Structure formats: structure tokens, C-alpha cells
Full PDB file with SEQRES, HELIX, SHEET, SSBOND, CRYST1, ORIGX, SCALE, CONECT and MASTER records, all heavy atoms in Angstrom:
SEQRES   1 A   36  PRO GLU PRO ALA ASN THR HIS GLU ALA PRO PRO ALA TRP          
SEQRES   2 A   36  GLY GLY HIS ASP PHE TYR ASN VAL PRO ALA MET TYR GLY          
SEQRES   3 A   36  ILE PHE ARG VAL ALA ASN SER TRP ARG VAL                      
HELIX    1 AA1 PRO A    3  THR A    6  1                                   4    
HELIX    2 AA2 PRO A   22  MET A   24  5                                   3    
SHEET    1 AA1 2 PHE A  28  VAL A  30  0                                        
SHEET    2 AA1 2 SER A  33  ARG A  35 -1                                        
CRYST1    1.000    1.000    1.000  90.00  90.00  90.00 P 1           1          
ORIGX1      1.000000  0.000000  0.000000        0.00000                         
ORIGX2      0.000000  1.000000  0.000000        0.00000                         
ORIGX3      0.000000  0.000000  1.000000        0.00000                         
SCALE1      1.000000  0.000000  0.000000        0.00000                         
SCALE2      0.000000  1.000000  0.000000        0.00000                         
SCALE3      0.000000  0.000000  1.000000        0.00000                         
ATOM      1  N   PRO A   1       0.819  -1.204   0.000  1.00  0.00           N  
ATOM      2  CA  PRO A   1       0.000   0.000   0.000  1.00  0.00           C  
ATOM      3  C   PRO A   1       0.852   1.253   0.000  1.00  0.00           C  
ATOM      4  O   PRO A   1       1.786   1.378   0.779  1.00  0.00           O  
ATOM      5  CB  PRO A   1      -0.820  -0.121   1.302  1.00  0.00           C  
ATOM      6  CG  PRO A   1      -0.010  -1.009   2.160  1.00  0.00           C  
ATOM      7  CD  PRO A   1       0.688  -1.966   1.242  1.00  0.00           C  
ATOM      8  N   GLU A   2       0.579   2.165  -0.908  1.00  0.00           N  
ATOM      9  CA  GLU A   2       1.291   3.434  -0.929  1.00  0.00           C  
ATOM     10  C   GLU A   2       0.814   4.299   0.236  1.00  0.00           C  
ATOM     11  O   GLU A   2      -0.261   4.083   0.779  1.00  0.00           O  
ATOM     12  CB  GLU A   2       1.016   4.161  -2.252  1.00  0.00           C  
ATOM     13  CG  GLU A   2       1.691   3.505  -3.443  1.00  0.00           C  
ATOM     14  CD  GLU A   2       3.206   3.590  -3.356  1.00  0.00           C  
ATOM     15  OE1 GLU A   2       3.701   4.639  -2.921  1.00  0.00           O  
ATOM     16  OE2 GLU A   2       3.875   2.618  -3.703  1.00  0.00           O  
ATOM     17  N   PRO A   3       1.597   5.298   0.642  1.00  0.00           N  
ATOM     18  CA  PRO A   3       1.187   6.164   1.751  1.00  0.00           C  
ATOM     19  C   PRO A   3      -0.209   6.751   1.577  1.00  0.00           C  
ATOM     20  O   PRO A   3      -0.954   6.857   2.519  1.00  0.00           O  
ATOM     21  CB  PRO A   3       2.270   7.254   1.730  1.00  0.00           C  
ATOM     22  CG  PRO A   3       3.471   6.585   1.151  1.00  0.00           C  
ATOM     23  CD  PRO A   3       2.920   5.603   0.137  1.00  0.00           C  
ATOM     24  N   ALA A   4      -0.586   7.083   0.320  1.00  0.00           N  
ATOM     25  CA  ALA A   4      -1.903   7.684   0.097  1.00  0.00           C  
ATOM     26  C   ALA A   4      -3.034   6.711   0.382  1.00  0.00           C  
ATOM     27  O   ALA A   4      -4.143   7.114   0.650  1.00  0.00           O  
ATOM     28  CB  ALA A   4      -2.002   8.179  -1.348  1.00  0.00           C  
ATOM     29  N   ASN A   5      -2.750   5.408   0.339  1.00  0.00           N  
ATOM     30  CA  ASN A   5      -3.781   4.416   0.622  1.00  0.00           C  
ATOM     31  C   ASN A   5      -3.979   4.220   2.121  1.00  0.00           C  
ATOM     32  O   ASN A   5      -4.941   3.613   2.548  1.00  0.00           O  
ATOM     33  CB  ASN A   5      -3.408   3.070  -0.016  1.00  0.00           C  
ATOM     34  CG  ASN A   5      -3.439   3.150  -1.530  1.00  0.00           C  
ATOM     35  OD1 ASN A   5      -4.080   4.022  -2.086  1.00  0.00           O  
ATOM     36  ND2 ASN A   5      -2.720   2.258  -2.181  1.00  0.00           N  
ATOM     37  N   THR A   6      -3.027   4.675   2.897  1.00  0.00           N  
ATOM     38  CA  THR A   6      -3.116   4.544   4.344  1.00  0.00           C  
ATOM     39  C   THR A   6      -3.845   5.740   4.948  1.00  0.00           C  
ATOM     40  O   THR A   6      -4.766   5.604   5.718  1.00  0.00           O  
ATOM     41  CB  THR A   6      -1.712   4.443   4.968  1.00  0.00           C  
ATOM     42  OG1 THR A   6      -1.017   3.372   4.335  1.00  0.00           O  
ATOM     43  CG2 THR A   6      -1.806   4.186   6.453  1.00  0.00           C  
ATOM     44  N   HIS A   7      -3.405   6.927   4.570  1.00  0.00           N  
ATOM     45  CA  HIS A   7      -4.008   8.167   5.041  1.00  0.00           C  
ATOM     46  C   HIS A   7      -3.855   9.224   3.962  1.00  0.00           C  
ATOM     47  O   HIS A   7      -3.398   8.940   2.864  1.00  0.00           O  
ATOM     48  CB  HIS A   7      -3.338   8.643   6.337  1.00  0.00           C  
ATOM     49  CG  HIS A   7      -3.400   7.645   7.436  1.00  0.00           C  
ATOM     50  ND1 HIS A   7      -4.580   7.196   7.975  1.00  0.00           N  
ATOM     51  CD2 HIS A   7      -2.417   6.965   8.079  1.00  0.00           C  
ATOM     52  CE1 HIS A   7      -4.327   6.307   8.913  1.00  0.00           C  
ATOM     53  NE2 HIS A   7      -3.035   6.142   8.986  1.00  0.00           N  
ATOM     54  N   GLU A   8      -4.196  10.417   4.321  1.00  0.00           N  
ATOM     55  CA  GLU A   8      -4.006  11.551   3.417  1.00  0.00           C  
ATOM     56  C   GLU A   8      -2.539  11.633   3.007  1.00  0.00           C  
ATOM     57  O   GLU A   8      -1.643  11.557   3.836  1.00  0.00           O  
ATOM     58  CB  GLU A   8      -4.426  12.830   4.159  1.00  0.00           C  
ATOM     59  CG  GLU A   8      -4.145  14.118   3.397  1.00  0.00           C  
ATOM     60  CD  GLU A   8      -4.433  15.321   4.268  1.00  0.00           C  
ATOM     61  OE1 GLU A   8      -4.994  15.127   5.368  1.00  0.00           O  
ATOM     62  OE2 GLU A   8      -4.108  16.433   3.853  1.00  0.00           O  
ATOM     63  N   ALA A   9      -2.290  11.769   1.719  1.00  0.00           N  
ATOM     64  CA  ALA A   9      -0.913  11.805   1.229  1.00  0.00           C  
ATOM     65  C   ALA A   9      -0.217  13.082   1.685  1.00  0.00           C  
ATOM     66  O   ALA A   9      -0.810  14.160   1.671  1.00  0.00           O  
ATOM     67  CB  ALA A   9      -0.898  11.734  -0.290  1.00  0.00           C  
ATOM     68  N   PRO A  10       1.051  12.990   2.085  1.00  0.00           N  
ATOM     69  CA  PRO A  10       1.785  14.191   2.496  1.00  0.00           C  
ATOM     70  C   PRO A  10       2.118  15.055   1.296  1.00  0.00           C  
ATOM     71  O   PRO A  10       2.193  14.567   0.175  1.00  0.00           O  
ATOM     72  CB  PRO A  10       3.052  13.617   3.131  1.00  0.00           C  
ATOM     73  CG  PRO A  10       3.244  12.301   2.455  1.00  0.00           C  
ATOM     74  CD  PRO A  10       1.861  11.777   2.209  1.00  0.00           C  
ATOM     75  N   PRO A  11       2.334  16.358   1.514  1.00  0.00           N  
ATOM     76  CA  PRO A  11       2.770  17.226   0.425  1.00  0.00           C  
ATOM     77  C   PRO A  11       4.157  16.814  -0.053  1.00  0.00           C  
ATOM     78  O   PRO A  11       4.772  15.906   0.498  1.00  0.00           O  
ATOM     79  CB  PRO A  11       2.789  18.621   1.070  1.00  0.00           C  
ATOM     80  CG  PRO A  11       1.974  18.488   2.311  1.00  0.00           C  
ATOM     81  CD  PRO A  11       2.143  17.070   2.763  1.00  0.00           C  
ATOM     82  N   ALA A  12       4.660  17.494  -1.037  1.00  0.00           N  
ATOM     83  CA  ALA A  12       5.986  17.170  -1.575  1.00  0.00           C  
ATOM     84  C   ALA A  12       7.039  17.296  -0.474  1.00  0.00           C  
ATOM     85  O   ALA A  12       6.952  18.155   0.403  1.00  0.00           O  
ATOM     86  CB  ALA A  12       6.309  18.101  -2.735  1.00  0.00           C  
ATOM     87  N   TRP A  13       8.037  16.409  -0.542  1.00  0.00           N  
ATOM     88  CA  TRP A  13       9.112  16.421   0.463  1.00  0.00           C  
ATOM     89  C   TRP A  13       9.751  17.797   0.524  1.00  0.00           C  
ATOM     90  O   TRP A  13      10.073  18.400  -0.499  1.00  0.00           O  
ATOM     91  CB  TRP A  13      10.152  15.366   0.105  1.00  0.00           C  
ATOM     92  CG  TRP A  13      11.460  15.569   0.794  1.00  0.00           C  
ATOM     93  CD1 TRP A  13      12.640  15.941   0.236  1.00  0.00           C  
ATOM     94  CD2 TRP A  13      11.723  15.433   2.187  1.00  0.00           C  
ATOM     95  NE1 TRP A  13      13.618  16.036   1.171  1.00  0.00           N  
ATOM     96  CE2 TRP A  13      13.087  15.728   2.393  1.00  0.00           C  
ATOM     97  CE3 TRP A  13      10.933  15.097   3.287  1.00  0.00           C  
ATOM     98  CZ2 TRP A  13      13.667  15.698   3.644  1.00  0.00           C  
ATOM     99  CZ3 TRP A  13      11.526  15.063   4.537  1.00  0.00           C  
ATOM    100  CH2 TRP A  13      12.871  15.354   4.703  1.00  0.00           C  
ATOM    101  N   GLY A  14       9.927  18.291   1.738  1.00  0.00           N  
ATOM    102  CA  GLY A  14      10.554  19.582   1.938  1.00  0.00           C  
ATOM    103  C   GLY A  14       9.565  20.720   2.033  1.00  0.00           C  
ATOM    104  O   GLY A  14       9.934  21.842   2.346  1.00  0.00           O  
ATOM    105  N   GLY A  15       8.278  20.459   1.728  1.00  0.00           N  
ATOM    106  CA  GLY A  15       7.273  21.505   1.816  1.00  0.00           C  
ATOM    107  C   GLY A  15       7.032  21.927   3.262  1.00  0.00           C  
ATOM    108  O   GLY A  15       7.324  21.186   4.209  1.00  0.00           O  
ATOM    109  N   HIS A  16       6.464  23.114   3.422  1.00  0.00           N  
ATOM    110  CA  HIS A  16       6.260  23.667   4.762  1.00  0.00           C  
ATOM    111  C   HIS A  16       5.351  22.795   5.614  1.00  0.00           C  
ATOM    112  O   HIS A  16       5.545  22.660   6.822  1.00  0.00           O  
ATOM    113  CB  HIS A  16       5.675  25.077   4.644  1.00  0.00           C  
ATOM    114  CG  HIS A  16       5.397  25.727   5.973  1.00  0.00           C  
ATOM    115  ND1 HIS A  16       6.399  26.166   6.817  1.00  0.00           N  
ATOM    116  CD2 HIS A  16       4.220  25.990   6.613  1.00  0.00           C  
ATOM    117  CE1 HIS A  16       5.851  26.681   7.914  1.00  0.00           C  
ATOM    118  NE2 HIS A  16       4.534  26.584   7.810  1.00  0.00           N  
ATOM    119  N   ASP A  17       4.340  22.177   4.993  1.00  0.00           N  
ATOM    120  CA  ASP A  17       3.346  21.395   5.737  1.00  0.00           C  
ATOM    121  C   ASP A  17       3.573  19.893   5.635  1.00  0.00           C  
ATOM    122  O   ASP A  17       2.666  19.100   5.884  1.00  0.00           O  
ATOM    123  CB  ASP A  17       1.940  21.720   5.232  1.00  0.00           C  
ATOM    124  CG  ASP A  17       1.566  23.168   5.500  1.00  0.00           C  
ATOM    125  OD1 ASP A  17       1.975  23.695   6.547  1.00  0.00           O  
ATOM    126  OD2 ASP A  17       0.872  23.760   4.657  1.00  0.00           O  
ATOM    127  N   PHE A  18       4.797  19.481   5.304  1.00  0.00           N  
ATOM    128  CA  PHE A  18       5.055  18.055   5.053  1.00  0.00           C  
ATOM    129  C   PHE A  18       4.690  17.187   6.246  1.00  0.00           C  
ATOM    130  O   PHE A  18       4.099  16.121   6.100  1.00  0.00           O  
ATOM    131  CB  PHE A  18       6.530  17.853   4.709  1.00  0.00           C  
ATOM    132  CG  PHE A  18       6.873  16.438   4.339  1.00  0.00           C  
ATOM    133  CD1 PHE A  18       6.576  15.943   3.075  1.00  0.00           C  
ATOM    134  CD2 PHE A  18       7.475  15.586   5.245  1.00  0.00           C  
ATOM    135  CE1 PHE A  18       6.876  14.646   2.727  1.00  0.00           C  
ATOM    136  CE2 PHE A  18       7.777  14.280   4.905  1.00  0.00           C  
ATOM    137  CZ  PHE A  18       7.481  13.815   3.641  1.00  0.00           C  
ATOM    138  N   TYR A  19       5.052  17.609   7.482  1.00  0.00           N  
ATOM    139  CA  TYR A  19       4.814  16.785   8.663  1.00  0.00           C  
ATOM    140  C   TYR A  19       3.498  17.106   9.369  1.00  0.00           C  
ATOM    141  O   TYR A  19       3.214  16.549  10.417  1.00  0.00           O  
ATOM    142  CB  TYR A  19       5.970  16.949   9.662  1.00  0.00           C  
ATOM    143  CG  TYR A  19       7.260  16.329   9.189  1.00  0.00           C  
ATOM    144  CD1 TYR A  19       8.360  17.116   8.901  1.00  0.00           C  
ATOM    145  CD2 TYR A  19       7.380  14.952   9.028  1.00  0.00           C  
ATOM    146  CE1 TYR A  19       9.552  16.553   8.464  1.00  0.00           C  
ATOM    147  CE2 TYR A  19       8.553  14.377   8.594  1.00  0.00           C  
ATOM    148  CZ  TYR A  19       9.642  15.180   8.318  1.00  0.00           C  
ATOM    149  OH  TYR A  19      10.812  14.607   7.887  1.00  0.00           O  
ATOM    150  N   ASN A  20       2.705  18.017   8.807  1.00  0.00           N  
ATOM    151  CA  ASN A  20       1.508  18.471   9.502  1.00  0.00           C  
ATOM    152  C   ASN A  20       0.238  17.758   9.070  1.00  0.00           C  
ATOM    153  O   ASN A  20      -0.852  18.176   9.445  1.00  0.00           O  
ATOM    154  CB  ASN A  20       1.333  19.984   9.303  1.00  0.00           C  
ATOM    155  CG  ASN A  20       2.448  20.772   9.979  1.00  0.00           C  
ATOM    156  OD1 ASN A  20       3.047  20.300  10.947  1.00  0.00           O  
ATOM    157  ND2 ASN A  20       2.722  21.952   9.477  1.00  0.00           N  
ATOM    158  N   VAL A  21       0.342  16.706   8.283  1.00  0.00           N  
ATOM    159  CA  VAL A  21      -0.832  15.938   7.880  1.00  0.00           C  
ATOM    160  C   VAL A  21      -0.851  14.630   8.671  1.00  0.00           C  
ATOM    161  O   VAL A  21       0.195  14.156   9.124  1.00  0.00           O  
ATOM    162  CB  VAL A  21      -0.813  15.650   6.360  1.00  0.00           C  
ATOM    163  CG1 VAL A  21      -0.920  16.946   5.578  1.00  0.00           C  
ATOM    164  CG2 VAL A  21       0.434  14.876   5.962  1.00  0.00           C  
ATOM    165  N   PRO A  22      -2.038  14.030   8.868  1.00  0.00           N  
ATOM    166  CA  PRO A  22      -2.114  12.782   9.641  1.00  0.00           C  
ATOM    167  C   PRO A  22      -1.199  11.679   9.119  1.00  0.00           C  
ATOM    168  O   PRO A  22      -0.701  10.865   9.895  1.00  0.00           O  
ATOM    169  CB  PRO A  22      -3.587  12.390   9.508  1.00  0.00           C  
ATOM    170  CG  PRO A  22      -4.296  13.690   9.331  1.00  0.00           C  
ATOM    171  CD  PRO A  22      -3.372  14.535   8.507  1.00  0.00           C  
ATOM    172  N   ALA A  23      -0.956  11.657   7.800  1.00  0.00           N  
ATOM    173  CA  ALA A  23      -0.107  10.612   7.231  1.00  0.00           C  
ATOM    174  C   ALA A  23       1.284  10.609   7.849  1.00  0.00           C  
ATOM    175  O   ALA A  23       1.928   9.568   7.952  1.00  0.00           O  
ATOM    176  CB  ALA A  23      -0.002  10.785   5.713  1.00  0.00           C  
ATOM    177  N   MET A  24       1.760  11.775   8.286  1.00  0.00           N  
ATOM    178  CA  MET A  24       3.130  11.868   8.802  1.00  0.00           C  
ATOM    179  C   MET A  24       3.177  12.000  10.318  1.00  0.00           C  
ATOM    180  O   MET A  24       4.244  12.277  10.872  1.00  0.00           O  
ATOM    181  CB  MET A  24       3.845  13.070   8.142  1.00  0.00           C  
ATOM    182  CG  MET A  24       3.930  12.991   6.632  1.00  0.00           C  
ATOM    183  SD  MET A  24       4.597  11.426   6.025  1.00  0.00           S  
ATOM    184  CE  MET A  24       6.224  11.450   6.766  1.00  0.00           C  
ATOM    185  N   TYR A  25       2.062  11.817  10.989  1.00  0.00           N  
ATOM    186  CA  TYR A  25       2.060  11.909  12.451  1.00  0.00           C  
ATOM    187  C   TYR A  25       3.023  10.893  13.063  1.00  0.00           C  
ATOM    188  O   TYR A  25       2.945   9.698  12.791  1.00  0.00           O  
ATOM    189  CB  TYR A  25       0.651  11.674  12.987  1.00  0.00           C  
ATOM    190  CG  TYR A  25       0.591  11.432  14.478  1.00  0.00           C  
ATOM    191  CD1 TYR A  25       1.092  12.365  15.372  1.00  0.00           C  
ATOM    192  CD2 TYR A  25       0.044  10.254  14.988  1.00  0.00           C  
ATOM    193  CE1 TYR A  25       1.051  12.142  16.730  1.00  0.00           C  
ATOM    194  CE2 TYR A  25      -0.009  10.030  16.347  1.00  0.00           C  
ATOM    195  CZ  TYR A  25       0.497  10.976  17.214  1.00  0.00           C  
ATOM    196  OH  TYR A  25       0.457  10.743  18.562  1.00  0.00           O  
ATOM    197  N   GLY A  26       3.945  11.359  13.876  1.00  0.00           N  
ATOM    198  CA  GLY A  26       4.894  10.483  14.559  1.00  0.00           C  
ATOM    199  C   GLY A  26       5.983   9.933  13.674  1.00  0.00           C  
ATOM    200  O   GLY A  26       6.743   9.061  14.107  1.00  0.00           O  
ATOM    201  N   ILE A  27       6.081  10.407  12.425  1.00  0.00           N  
ATOM    202  CA  ILE A  27       7.070   9.888  11.481  1.00  0.00           C  
ATOM    203  C   ILE A  27       7.985  11.022  11.032  1.00  0.00           C  
ATOM    204  O   ILE A  27       7.517  12.109  10.685  1.00  0.00           O  
ATOM    205  CB  ILE A  27       6.382   9.256  10.254  1.00  0.00           C  
ATOM    206  CG1 ILE A  27       5.495   8.095  10.698  1.00  0.00           C  
ATOM    207  CG2 ILE A  27       7.412   8.780   9.230  1.00  0.00           C  
ATOM    208  CD1 ILE A  27       4.699   7.469   9.566  1.00  0.00           C  
ATOM    209  N   PHE A  28       9.287  10.752  11.054  1.00  0.00           N  
ATOM    210  CA  PHE A  28      10.274  11.754  10.683  1.00  0.00           C  
ATOM    211  C   PHE A  28      11.314  11.122   9.760  1.00  0.00           C  
ATOM    212  O   PHE A  28      11.587   9.930   9.830  1.00  0.00           O  
ATOM    213  CB  PHE A  28      10.968  12.312  11.930  1.00  0.00           C  
ATOM    214  CG  PHE A  28      10.016  12.752  12.995  1.00  0.00           C  
ATOM    215  CD1 PHE A  28       9.610  11.864  13.993  1.00  0.00           C  
ATOM    216  CD2 PHE A  28       9.491  14.028  13.004  1.00  0.00           C  
ATOM    217  CE1 PHE A  28       8.710  12.247  14.970  1.00  0.00           C  
ATOM    218  CE2 PHE A  28       8.590  14.425  13.978  1.00  0.00           C  
ATOM    219  CZ  PHE A  28       8.198  13.527  14.961  1.00  0.00           C  
ATOM    220  N   ARG A  29      11.887  11.946   8.914  1.00  0.00           N  
ATOM    221  CA  ARG A  29      12.932  11.459   8.025  1.00  0.00           C  
ATOM    222  C   ARG A  29      14.283  11.719   8.657  1.00  0.00           C  
ATOM    223  O   ARG A  29      14.601  12.839   9.046  1.00  0.00           O  
ATOM    224  CB  ARG A  29      12.844  12.140   6.658  1.00  0.00           C  
ATOM    225  CG  ARG A  29      13.919  11.659   5.684  1.00  0.00           C  
ATOM    226  CD  ARG A  29      13.616  12.101   4.276  1.00  0.00           C  
ATOM    227  NE  ARG A  29      14.695  11.720   3.378  1.00  0.00           N  
ATOM    228  CZ  ARG A  29      14.570  11.617   2.067  1.00  0.00           C  
ATOM    229  NH1 ARG A  29      13.404  11.863   1.499  1.00  0.00           N  
ATOM    230  NH2 ARG A  29      15.586  11.280   1.307  1.00  0.00           N  
ATOM    231  N   VAL A  30      15.092  10.661   8.755  1.00  0.00           N  
ATOM    232  CA  VAL A  30      16.448  10.762   9.302  1.00  0.00           C  
ATOM    233  C   VAL A  30      17.383  10.112   8.296  1.00  0.00           C  
ATOM    234  O   VAL A  30      17.321   8.893   8.087  1.00  0.00           O  
ATOM    235  CB  VAL A  30      16.565  10.062  10.666  1.00  0.00           C  
ATOM    236  CG1 VAL A  30      17.986  10.191  11.203  1.00  0.00           C  
ATOM    237  CG2 VAL A  30      15.566  10.641  11.653  1.00  0.00           C  
ATOM    238  N   ALA A  31      18.243  10.919   7.665  1.00  0.00           N  
ATOM    239  CA  ALA A  31      19.157  10.421   6.637  1.00  0.00           C  
ATOM    240  C   ALA A  31      18.352   9.647   5.588  1.00  0.00           C  
ATOM    241  O   ALA A  31      17.367  10.154   5.060  1.00  0.00           O  
ATOM    242  CB  ALA A  31      20.256   9.577   7.256  1.00  0.00           C  
ATOM    243  N   ASN A  32      18.715   8.406   5.319  1.00  0.00           N  
ATOM    244  CA  ASN A  32      18.018   7.602   4.312  1.00  0.00           C  
ATOM    245  C   ASN A  32      17.067   6.603   4.953  1.00  0.00           C  
ATOM    246  O   ASN A  32      17.063   5.414   4.621  1.00  0.00           O  
ATOM    247  CB  ASN A  32      19.046   6.878   3.432  1.00  0.00           C  
ATOM    248  CG  ASN A  32      19.851   7.836   2.586  1.00  0.00           C  
ATOM    249  OD1 ASN A  32      19.316   8.801   2.042  1.00  0.00           O  
ATOM    250  ND2 ASN A  32      21.149   7.604   2.496  1.00  0.00           N  
ATOM    251  N   SER A  33      16.252   7.088   5.864  1.00  0.00           N  
ATOM    252  CA  SER A  33      15.275   6.225   6.524  1.00  0.00           C  
ATOM    253  C   SER A  33      14.138   7.062   7.090  1.00  0.00           C  
ATOM    254  O   SER A  33      14.266   8.279   7.270  1.00  0.00           O  
ATOM    255  CB  SER A  33      15.951   5.428   7.649  1.00  0.00           C  
ATOM    256  OG  SER A  33      16.400   6.305   8.677  1.00  0.00           O  
ATOM    257  N   TRP A  34      13.012   6.392   7.354  1.00  0.00           N  
ATOM    258  CA  TRP A  34      11.898   6.996   8.077  1.00  0.00           C  
ATOM    259  C   TRP A  34      11.929   6.474   9.505  1.00  0.00           C  
ATOM    260  O   TRP A  34      12.164   5.293   9.726  1.00  0.00           O  
ATOM    261  CB  TRP A  34      10.560   6.632   7.432  1.00  0.00           C  
ATOM    262  CG  TRP A  34      10.371   7.169   6.047  1.00  0.00           C  
ATOM    263  CD1 TRP A  34      10.403   6.472   4.880  1.00  0.00           C  
ATOM    264  CD2 TRP A  34      10.120   8.530   5.693  1.00  0.00           C  
ATOM    265  NE1 TRP A  34      10.197   7.309   3.812  1.00  0.00           N  
ATOM    266  CE2 TRP A  34      10.013   8.589   4.287  1.00  0.00           C  
ATOM    267  CE3 TRP A  34       9.971   9.712   6.423  1.00  0.00           C  
ATOM    268  CZ2 TRP A  34       9.763   9.771   3.587  1.00  0.00           C  
ATOM    269  CZ3 TRP A  34       9.727  10.893   5.737  1.00  0.00           C  
ATOM    270  CH2 TRP A  34       9.625  10.906   4.340  1.00  0.00           C  
ATOM    271  N   ARG A  35      11.697   7.349  10.463  1.00  0.00           N  
ATOM    272  CA  ARG A  35      11.729   6.959  11.872  1.00  0.00           C  
ATOM    273  C   ARG A  35      10.383   7.238  12.519  1.00  0.00           C  
ATOM    274  O   ARG A  35       9.835   8.338  12.414  1.00  0.00           O  
ATOM    275  CB  ARG A  35      12.826   7.708  12.627  1.00  0.00           C  
ATOM    276  CG  ARG A  35      12.871   7.394  14.124  1.00  0.00           C  
ATOM    277  CD  ARG A  35      13.998   8.113  14.801  1.00  0.00           C  
ATOM    278  NE  ARG A  35      15.290   7.613  14.362  1.00  0.00           N  
ATOM    279  CZ  ARG A  35      16.459   8.113  14.759  1.00  0.00           C  
ATOM    280  NH1 ARG A  35      16.489   9.141  15.590  1.00  0.00           N  
ATOM    281  NH2 ARG A  35      17.585   7.596  14.312  1.00  0.00           N  
ATOM    282  N   VAL A  36       9.855   6.220  13.202  1.00  0.00           N  
ATOM    283  CA  VAL A  36       8.630   6.378  13.990  1.00  0.00           C  
ATOM    284  C   VAL A  36       9.051   6.629  15.437  1.00  0.00           C  
ATOM    285  O   VAL A  36       9.837   5.869  16.006  1.00  0.00           O  
ATOM    286  CB  VAL A  36       7.753   5.118  13.906  1.00  0.00           C  
ATOM    287  CG1 VAL A  36       6.521   5.273  14.797  1.00  0.00           C  
ATOM    288  CG2 VAL A  36       7.331   4.851  12.465  1.00  0.00           C  
TER     289      VAL A  36                                                      
MASTER        0    0    0    2    2    0    0    6  288    1    0    3          
END                                                                             
């Protein structure tokens, strides 16, 4: 399942509101990985 199939798709990487949508709640990008 792509991220959009789980929740609202996040905006483009680096955008101002990238982490402010439910899809990215509790998830952060660290180097070449996603961290919960």
C-alpha cells in the first residue's frame, strides 16, 4: 500500500506542511530512513 492508501498523502518532500498531515504523524525522516 502506498502512503496515500493509508491516510491523506503528504505534500511534496521539503514543503512547509510536510509533517503536519495525519499521514506523517509520529514519522520523521532521518538520513536515508523513516523513523517512527
